[in-house]
PDB file of N, CA and C in Angstrom:
ATOM      1  N   MET A   1       0.828  -1.151   0.007  1.00  0.00           N
ATOM      2  CA  MET A   1       0.005  -0.012  -0.054  1.00  0.00           C
ATOM      3  C   MET A   1       0.814   1.184  -0.016  1.00  0.00           C
ATOM      4  N   ALA A   2       0.488   2.202  -0.863  1.00  0.00           N
ATOM      5  CA  ALA A   2       1.222   3.476  -0.854  1.00  0.00           C
ATOM      6  C   ALA A   2       0.585   4.396   0.089  1.00  0.00           C
ATOM      7  N   GLU A   3       1.398   5.017   0.868  1.00  0.00           N
ATOM      8  CA  GLU A   3       0.910   6.056   1.766  1.00  0.00           C
ATOM      9  C   GLU A   3       0.875   7.479   1.186  1.00  0.00           C
ATOM     10  N   ILE A   4      -0.180   8.162   1.504  1.00  0.00           N
ATOM     11  CA  ILE A   4      -0.177   9.529   0.952  1.00  0.00           C
ATOM     12  C   ILE A   4       0.473  10.509   1.896  1.00  0.00           C
ATOM     13  N   SER A   5       1.470  11.098   1.423  1.00  0.00           N
ATOM     14  CA  SER A   5       2.317  12.018   2.241  1.00  0.00           C
ATOM     15  C   SER A   5       1.543  13.345   2.513  1.00  0.00           C
ATOM     16  N   VAL A   6       1.260  13.649   3.671  1.00  0.00           N
ATOM     17  CA  VAL A   6       0.719  14.941   3.990  1.00  0.00           C
ATOM     18  C   VAL A   6       1.724  15.950   4.174  1.00  0.00           C
ATOM     19  N   ALA A   7       1.456  17.211   3.895  1.00  0.00           N
ATOM     20  CA  ALA A   7       2.463  18.221   3.850  1.00  0.00           C
ATOM     21  C   ALA A   7       3.059  18.331   5.198  1.00  0.00           C
ATOM     22  N   GLU A   8       4.334  17.977   5.429  1.00  0.00           N
ATOM     23  CA  GLU A   8       4.981  17.903   6.754  1.00  0.00           C
ATOM     24  C   GLU A   8       5.354  19.309   7.199  1.00  0.00           C
ATOM     25  N   LYS A   9       5.210  19.647   8.457  1.00  0.00           N
ATOM     26  CA  LYS A   9       5.506  20.871   9.004  1.00  0.00           C
ATOM     27  C   LYS A   9       7.107  21.027   8.989  1.00  0.00           C
ATOM     28  N   LYS A  10       7.384  22.280   8.781  1.00  0.00           N
ATOM     29  CA  LYS A  10       8.874  22.590   8.812  1.00  0.00           C
ATOM     30  C   LYS A  10       9.173  23.744   9.753  1.00  0.00           C
ATOM     31  N   ILE A  11      10.377  23.703  10.315  1.00  0.00           N
ATOM     32  CA  ILE A  11      10.850  24.754  11.212  1.00  0.00           C
ATOM     33  C   ILE A  11      12.087  25.384  10.551  1.00  0.00           C
ATOM     34  N   LYS A  12      12.043  26.771  10.392  1.00  0.00           N
ATOM     35  CA  LYS A  12      13.133  27.489   9.878  1.00  0.00           C
ATOM     36  C   LYS A  12      14.071  28.052  11.148  1.00  0.00           C
ATOM     37  N   VAL A  13      15.342  27.463  11.101  1.00  0.00           N
ATOM     38  CA  VAL A  13      16.253  27.749  12.130  1.00  0.00           C
ATOM     39  C   VAL A  13      17.425  28.590  11.699  1.00  0.00           C
ATOM     40  N   THR A  14      17.675  29.636  12.409  1.00  0.00           N
ATOM     41  CA  THR A  14      18.857  30.560  11.944  1.00  0.00           C
ATOM     42  C   THR A  14      19.775  30.693  13.203  1.00  0.00           C
ATOM     43  N   LEU A  15      21.074  30.569  12.950  1.00  0.00           N
ATOM     44  CA  LEU A  15      22.008  30.857  13.892  1.00  0.00           C
ATOM     45  C   LEU A  15      22.297  32.416  13.990  1.00  0.00           C
ATOM     46  N   VAL A  16      22.054  32.874  15.230  1.00  0.00           N
ATOM     47  CA  VAL A  16      22.131  34.398  15.393  1.00  0.00           C
ATOM     48  C   VAL A  16      23.246  34.760  16.384  1.00  0.00           C
ATOM     49  N   LYS A  17      23.882  33.841  16.934  1.00  0.00           N
ATOM     50  CA  LYS A  17      24.972  34.100  17.883  1.00  0.00           C
ATOM     51  C   LYS A  17      26.040  33.188  17.717  1.00  0.00           C
ATOM     52  N   SER A  18      27.335  33.661  17.803  1.00  0.00           N
ATOM     53  CA  SER A  18      28.491  32.834  17.608  1.00  0.00           C
ATOM     54  C   SER A  18      28.605  31.634  18.630  1.00  0.00           C
ATOM     55  N   ILE A  19      29.161  30.544  18.156  1.00  0.00           N
ATOM     56  CA  ILE A  19      29.326  29.466  19.049  1.00  0.00           C
ATOM     57  C   ILE A  19      30.657  29.406  19.704  1.00  0.00           C
ATOM     58  N   ILE A  20      31.470  30.570  19.516  1.00  0.00           N
ATOM     59  CA  ILE A  20      32.716  30.678  20.258  1.00  0.00           C
ATOM     60  C   ILE A  20      32.449  30.785  21.599  1.00  0.00           C
ATOM     61  N   GLY A  21      33.115  29.994  22.525  1.00  0.00           N
ATOM     62  CA  GLY A  21      32.964  30.108  23.963  1.00  0.00           C
ATOM     63  C   GLY A  21      31.873  29.233  24.491  1.00  0.00           C
ATOM     64  N   THR A  22      31.125  28.501  23.713  1.00  0.00           N
ATOM     65  CA  THR A  22      30.123  27.677  24.051  1.00  0.00           C
ATOM     66  C   THR A  22      30.568  26.277  24.437  1.00  0.00           C
ATOM     67  N   LYS A  23      29.735  25.417  25.037  1.00  0.00           N
ATOM     68  CA  LYS A  23      30.135  24.059  25.377  1.00  0.00           C
ATOM     69  C   LYS A  23      30.255  23.287  24.107  1.00  0.00           C
ATOM     70  N   GLN A  24      31.155  22.248  24.149  1.00  0.00           N
ATOM     71  CA  GLN A  24      31.307  21.413  23.030  1.00  0.00           C
ATOM     72  C   GLN A  24      30.134  20.717  22.535  1.00  0.00           C
ATOM     73  N   ASP A  25      29.267  20.256  23.455  1.00  0.00           N
ATOM     74  CA  ASP A  25      28.009  19.584  23.050  1.00  0.00           C
ATOM     75  C   ASP A  25      26.998  20.411  22.348  1.00  0.00           C
ATOM     76  N   HIS A  26      27.068  21.790  22.820  1.00  0.00           N
ATOM     77  CA  HIS A  26      26.192  22.786  22.090  1.00  0.00           C
ATOM     78  C   HIS A  26      26.630  23.037  20.783  1.00  0.00           C
ATOM     79  N   ARG A  27      27.943  23.085  20.503  1.00  0.00           N
ATOM     80  CA  ARG A  27      28.568  23.266  19.228  1.00  0.00           C
ATOM     81  C   ARG A  27      28.108  22.050  18.342  1.00  0.00           C
ATOM     82  N   ALA A  28      28.138  20.918  18.858  1.00  0.00           N
ATOM     83  CA  ALA A  28      27.754  19.773  18.070  1.00  0.00           C
ATOM     84  C   ALA A  28      26.292  19.791  17.735  1.00  0.00           C
ATOM     85  N   THR A  29      25.463  20.288  18.661  1.00  0.00           N
ATOM     86  CA  THR A  29      24.069  20.355  18.346  1.00  0.00           C
ATOM     87  C   THR A  29      23.770  21.341  17.276  1.00  0.00           C
ATOM     88  N   VAL A  30      24.372  22.516  17.330  1.00  0.00           N
ATOM     89  CA  VAL A  30      24.232  23.551  16.255  1.00  0.00           C
ATOM     90  C   VAL A  30      24.639  22.897  14.856  1.00  0.00           C
ATOM     91  N   ARG A  31      25.799  22.138  14.824  1.00  0.00           N
ATOM     92  CA  ARG A  31      26.153  21.557  13.658  1.00  0.00           C
ATOM     93  C   ARG A  31      25.096  20.436  13.172  1.00  0.00           C
ATOM     94  N   GLY A  32      24.585  19.690  14.151  1.00  0.00           N
ATOM     95  CA  GLY A  32      23.513  18.718  13.921  1.00  0.00           C
ATOM     96  C   GLY A  32      22.284  19.362  13.292  1.00  0.00           C
ATOM     97  N   LEU A  33      22.023  20.528  13.538  1.00  0.00           N
ATOM     98  CA  LEU A  33      20.867  21.232  13.067  1.00  0.00           C
ATOM     99  C   LEU A  33      21.216  21.744  11.615  1.00  0.00           C
ATOM    100  N   GLY A  34      22.435  21.619  11.157  1.00  0.00           N
ATOM    101  CA  GLY A  34      22.804  22.000   9.839  1.00  0.00           C
ATOM    102  C   GLY A  34      23.271  23.393   9.710  1.00  0.00           C
ATOM    103  N   LEU A  35      23.655  24.043  10.816  1.00  0.00           N
ATOM    104  CA  LEU A  35      23.983  25.455  10.863  1.00  0.00           C
ATOM    105  C   LEU A  35      25.529  25.623  10.860  1.00  0.00           C
ATOM    106  N   ARG A  36      26.106  26.390  10.053  1.00  0.00           N
ATOM    107  CA  ARG A  36      27.593  26.545   9.968  1.00  0.00           C
ATOM    108  C   ARG A  36      28.101  27.848  10.431  1.00  0.00           C
ATOM    109  N   ARG A  37      27.388  28.854  10.107  1.00  0.00           N
ATOM    110  CA  ARG A  37      27.914  30.253  10.385  1.00  0.00           C
ATOM    111  C   ARG A  37      26.755  31.209  10.861  1.00  0.00           C
ATOM    112  N   ILE A  38      27.042  32.471  11.320  1.00  0.00           N
ATOM    113  CA  ILE A  38      25.928  33.241  11.741  1.00  0.00           C
ATOM    114  C   ILE A  38      25.156  33.691  10.611  1.00  0.00           C
ATOM    115  N   ASN A  39      23.976  33.744  10.772  1.00  0.00           N
ATOM    116  CA  ASN A  39      22.839  34.112   9.816  1.00  0.00           C
ATOM    117  C   ASN A  39      22.720  33.022   8.789  1.00  0.00           C
ATOM    118  N   HIS A  40      23.206  31.826   9.036  1.00  0.00           N
ATOM    119  CA  HIS A  40      22.885  30.653   8.210  1.00  0.00           C
ATOM    120  C   HIS A  40      21.587  30.086   8.712  1.00  0.00           C
ATOM    121  N   THR A  41      20.786  29.739   7.704  1.00  0.00           N
ATOM    122  CA  THR A  41      19.394  29.242   8.054  1.00  0.00           C
ATOM    123  C   THR A  41      19.258  27.865   7.423  1.00  0.00           C
ATOM    124  N   SER A  42      18.501  27.014   8.236  1.00  0.00           N
ATOM    125  CA  SER A  42      18.226  25.642   7.776  1.00  0.00           C
ATOM    126  C   SER A  42      16.757  25.333   7.939  1.00  0.00           C
ATOM    127  N   LEU A  43      16.220  24.664   7.051  1.00  0.00           N
ATOM    128  CA  LEU A  43      14.799  24.202   7.025  1.00  0.00           C
ATOM    129  C   LEU A  43      14.689  22.829   7.461  1.00  0.00           C
ATOM    130  N   LEU A  44      14.097  22.594   8.583  1.00  0.00           N
ATOM    131  CA  LEU A  44      14.099  21.216   9.191  1.00  0.00           C
ATOM    132  C   LEU A  44      12.646  20.712   9.494  1.00  0.00           C
ATOM    133  N   GLN A  45      12.498  19.385   9.536  1.00  0.00           N
ATOM    134  CA  GLN A  45      11.216  18.817   9.757  1.00  0.00           C
ATOM    135  C   GLN A  45      10.892  19.044  11.273  1.00  0.00           C
ATOM    136  N   ASP A  46       9.608  19.238  11.545  1.00  0.00           N
ATOM    137  CA  ASP A  46       9.149  19.474  12.880  1.00  0.00           C
ATOM    138  C   ASP A  46       8.917  18.153  13.651  1.00  0.00           C
ATOM    139  N   THR A  47       9.945  17.737  14.358  1.00  0.00           N
ATOM    140  CA  THR A  47       9.949  16.429  15.133  1.00  0.00           C
ATOM    141  C   THR A  47      10.320  16.724  16.561  1.00  0.00           C
ATOM    142  N   PRO A  48       9.993  15.878  17.420  1.00  0.00           N
ATOM    143  CA  PRO A  48      10.413  16.006  18.815  1.00  0.00           C
ATOM    144  C   PRO A  48      11.909  16.087  19.019  1.00  0.00           C
ATOM    145  N   ALA A  49      12.595  15.374  18.224  1.00  0.00           N
ATOM    146  CA  ALA A  49      14.112  15.414  18.388  1.00  0.00           C
ATOM    147  C   ALA A  49      14.644  16.793  17.833  1.00  0.00           C
ATOM    148  N   VAL A  50      14.110  17.296  16.848  1.00  0.00           N
ATOM    149  CA  VAL A  50      14.708  18.625  16.327  1.00  0.00           C
ATOM    150  C   VAL A  50      14.184  19.716  17.381  1.00  0.00           C
ATOM    151  N   ARG A  51      12.974  19.590  17.912  1.00  0.00           N
ATOM    152  CA  ARG A  51      12.566  20.515  18.911  1.00  0.00           C
ATOM    153  C   ARG A  51      13.444  20.529  20.217  1.00  0.00           C
ATOM    154  N   GLY A  52      13.850  19.373  20.597  1.00  0.00           N
ATOM    155  CA  GLY A  52      14.789  19.234  21.707  1.00  0.00           C
ATOM    156  C   GLY A  52      16.147  19.823  21.478  1.00  0.00           C
ATOM    157  N   MET A  53      16.508  19.724  20.133  1.00  0.00           N
ATOM    158  CA  MET A  53      17.910  20.304  19.892  1.00  0.00           C
ATOM    159  C   MET A  53      17.812  21.776  19.851  1.00  0.00           C
ATOM    160  N   ILE A  54      16.657  22.292  19.322  1.00  0.00           N
ATOM    161  CA  ILE A  54      16.501  23.724  19.285  1.00  0.00           C
ATOM    162  C   ILE A  54      16.394  24.323  20.779  1.00  0.00           C
ATOM    163  N   LYS A  55      15.645  23.543  21.629  1.00  0.00           N
ATOM    164  CA  LYS A  55      15.596  24.003  22.933  1.00  0.00           C
ATOM    165  C   LYS A  55      16.885  24.135  23.728  1.00  0.00           C
ATOM    166  N   LYS A  56      17.720  23.084  23.369  1.00  0.00           N
ATOM    167  CA  LYS A  56      19.062  22.976  24.053  1.00  0.00           C
ATOM    168  C   LYS A  56      19.937  24.286  23.748  1.00  0.00           C
ATOM    169  N   VAL A  57      19.858  24.798  22.436  1.00  0.00           N
ATOM    170  CA  VAL A  57      20.668  25.866  22.022  1.00  0.00           C
ATOM    171  C   VAL A  57      19.924  27.074  21.721  1.00  0.00           C
ATOM    172  N   ALA A  58      18.731  27.275  22.422  1.00  0.00           N
ATOM    173  CA  ALA A  58      17.862  28.298  22.175  1.00  0.00           C
ATOM    174  C   ALA A  58      18.444  29.730  22.294  1.00  0.00           C
ATOM    175  N   TYR A  59      19.483  29.838  23.040  1.00  0.00           N
ATOM    176  CA  TYR A  59      20.106  31.121  23.251  1.00  0.00           C
ATOM    177  C   TYR A  59      21.135  31.488  22.122  1.00  0.00           C
ATOM    178  N   LEU A  60      21.292  30.500  21.061  1.00  0.00           N
ATOM    179  CA  LEU A  60      22.131  30.755  19.951  1.00  0.00           C
ATOM    180  C   LEU A  60      21.317  30.831  18.707  1.00  0.00           C
ATOM    181  N   VAL A  61      20.037  30.439  18.700  1.00  0.00           N
ATOM    182  CA  VAL A  61      19.345  30.328  17.412  1.00  0.00           C
ATOM    183  C   VAL A  61      18.037  31.133  17.576  1.00  0.00           C
ATOM    184  N   LYS A  62      17.373  31.307  16.392  1.00  0.00           N
ATOM    185  CA  LYS A  62      16.139  32.024  16.270  1.00  0.00           C
ATOM    186  C   LYS A  62      15.388  31.023  15.311  1.00  0.00           C
ATOM    187  N   CYS A  63      14.110  30.555  15.804  1.00  0.00           N
ATOM    188  CA  CYS A  63      13.378  29.663  14.982  1.00  0.00           C
ATOM    189  C   CYS A  63      11.966  30.269  14.552  1.00  0.00           C
ATOM    190  N   GLU A  64      11.563  29.895  13.407  1.00  0.00           N
ATOM    191  CA  GLU A  64      10.234  30.342  12.921  1.00  0.00           C
ATOM    192  C   GLU A  64       9.426  29.182  12.362  1.00  0.00           C
ATOM    193  N   GLY A  65       8.165  29.266  12.501  1.00  0.00           N
ATOM    194  CA  GLY A  65       7.327  28.158  11.906  1.00  0.00           C
ATOM    195  C   GLY A  65       6.986  27.174  12.969  1.00  0.00           C
TER     196      GLY A  65
END
C-alpha cells in the first residue's frame, strides 16, 4: 500500500549568535541542526528530536514556523 504523504511541518532555524566560547556539546548540536555560520538558515522537519535540539541551544538560534 502506498501512503499519501501529508504536507509535513517545517521549522526554519537561523544561527544568530557565535558558538565561540560555548560548550562542546552545544556546538555539536548546532552542527547537527545543519548550521555553519552566523545568519545561516536551515529548514528542518518539525519532530520532537529537532525541537529538543532547538531548546538546548535556544540562546544561539532563532526559529520560525
